[in-house]
């Protein structure tokens, strides 16, 4: 039996709730906690209601790193774990900041 092929193009890492990585609306209202993050998108633990295909502007926040970067993301799925979002045209500055957060948690997970 063959193993299913991985569809994702980017490395992703689990983000512990204690890390305090979350997203807000552009107006600063907290939407939920990021529990998985990669350059392709994120998994959001939220009570908010989102529909597949819906695109939203957010601000990705990592207070420990001083990151408050605007991103746009489209809903790809919802599950009991959260809502999966794919980044839409992640600009170079946002990609660097996402990479900082991924790298920080990737190194902790591999230690």
Protein backbone atom coordinates (compact mmCIF):
# COMPACT_ATOMS: atom_id res chain seq x y z
CA UNK A 1 0.00 0.00 0.00
CA UNK A 2 1.50 3.34 -0.96
CA UNK A 3 1.75 6.29 1.38
CA UNK A 4 -0.45 9.28 0.46
CA UNK A 5 1.49 12.12 -1.14
CA UNK A 6 1.99 15.24 0.98
CA UNK A 7 0.20 18.19 -0.64
CA UNK A 8 1.81 20.98 1.37
CA UNK A 9 4.78 22.82 -0.11
CA UNK A 10 6.20 24.40 3.06
CA UNK A 11 7.60 23.21 6.37
CA UNK A 12 5.19 23.77 9.23
CA UNK A 13 5.61 23.58 12.98
CA UNK A 14 3.34 23.11 15.95
CA UNK A 15 3.06 26.25 18.06
CA UNK A 16 2.38 25.70 21.78
CA UNK A 17 -0.38 27.87 23.24
CA UNK A 18 2.13 29.13 25.82
CA UNK A 19 4.12 30.73 22.95
CA UNK A 20 1.47 33.44 22.66
CA UNK A 21 1.35 33.51 18.86
CA UNK A 22 -2.03 34.77 17.68
CA UNK A 23 -3.84 36.72 14.98
CA UNK A 24 -5.97 39.83 15.26
CA UNK A 25 -8.18 41.77 12.90
CA UNK A 26 -6.52 44.85 11.38
CA UNK A 27 -8.39 46.83 14.07
CA UNK A 28 -6.67 44.84 16.83
CA UNK A 29 -9.46 42.45 17.89
CA UNK A 30 -7.99 39.08 18.83
CA UNK A 31 -9.29 36.31 16.54
CA UNK A 32 -7.53 33.24 17.96
CA UNK A 33 -4.32 31.39 18.76
CA UNK A 34 -2.04 30.02 16.06
CA UNK A 35 -1.39 26.34 16.80
CA UNK A 36 0.44 25.43 13.56
CA UNK A 37 2.41 27.74 11.29
CA UNK A 38 4.32 27.50 8.04
CA UNK A 39 5.23 29.76 5.13
CA UNK A 40 2.11 28.50 3.40
CA UNK A 41 -0.39 29.33 6.14
CA UNK A 42 -1.56 28.60 9.65
CA UNK A 43 -4.00 26.62 11.77
CA UNK A 44 -6.03 28.88 14.01
CA UNK A 45 -7.74 27.83 17.22
CA UNK A 46 -10.73 30.16 17.26
CA UNK A 47 -14.37 30.50 18.21
CA UNK A 48 -14.90 32.66 15.12
CA UNK A 49 -16.96 31.30 12.24
CA UNK A 50 -15.25 31.12 8.86
CA UNK A 51 -16.38 29.63 5.54
CA UNK A 52 -14.17 27.73 3.11
CA UNK A 53 -12.87 30.08 0.43
CA UNK A 54 -13.36 33.20 2.56
CA UNK A 55 -10.35 35.57 2.49
CA UNK A 56 -9.59 37.78 5.47
CA UNK A 57 -7.00 40.37 6.44
CA UNK A 58 -5.24 39.56 9.73
CA UNK A 59 -2.28 40.69 11.78
CA UNK A 60 0.07 37.89 12.88
CA UNK A 61 1.39 38.66 16.36
CA UNK A 62 4.36 37.25 18.27
CA UNK A 63 4.87 39.64 21.16
CA UNK A 64 8.09 37.93 22.28
CA UNK A 65 9.69 38.72 18.90
CA UNK A 66 7.97 42.09 18.46
CA UNK A 67 6.18 40.83 15.35
CA UNK A 68 2.92 42.49 14.28
CA UNK A 69 2.73 41.77 10.56
CA UNK A 70 -0.31 42.17 8.30
CA UNK A 71 -1.24 39.10 6.24
CA UNK A 72 -4.17 38.02 4.06
CA UNK A 73 -5.32 34.43 4.29
CA UNK A 74 -8.00 32.22 2.75
CA UNK A 75 -9.89 29.53 4.65
CA UNK A 76 -9.02 26.08 3.30
CA UNK A 77 -10.74 23.86 5.92
CA UNK A 78 -12.27 23.65 9.37
CA UNK A 79 -11.78 20.76 11.78
CA UNK A 80 -12.03 20.10 15.49
CA UNK A 81 -8.41 21.30 15.77
CA UNK A 82 -9.18 24.68 14.24
CA UNK A 83 -9.49 26.57 10.98
CA UNK A 84 -6.79 26.12 8.35
CA UNK A 85 -5.78 29.24 6.43
CA UNK A 86 -3.53 29.61 3.38
CA UNK A 87 -1.59 32.85 2.99
CA UNK A 88 -2.55 34.97 -0.04
CA UNK A 89 0.45 36.64 -1.71
CA UNK A 90 2.64 36.74 1.39
CA UNK A 91 4.84 39.80 0.87
CA UNK A 92 8.61 39.52 1.45
CA UNK A 93 8.59 41.31 4.84
CA UNK A 94 5.77 39.12 6.15
CA UNK A 95 7.51 36.00 4.80
CA UNK A 96 10.65 36.89 6.76
CA UNK A 97 8.67 37.39 9.96
CA UNK A 98 6.74 34.14 9.49
CA UNK A 99 10.11 32.47 8.89
CA UNK A 100 11.44 33.87 12.19
CA UNK A 101 8.53 32.35 14.11
CA UNK A 102 8.73 29.02 12.25
CA UNK A 103 12.49 28.86 12.81
CA UNK A 104 12.19 29.58 16.52
CA UNK A 105 9.66 26.81 17.05
CA UNK A 106 11.26 24.40 14.58
CA UNK A 107 14.52 24.50 16.51
CA UNK A 108 12.69 23.94 19.81
CA UNK A 109 10.84 20.96 18.37
CA UNK A 110 13.98 19.35 17.00
CA UNK A 111 16.06 19.74 20.18
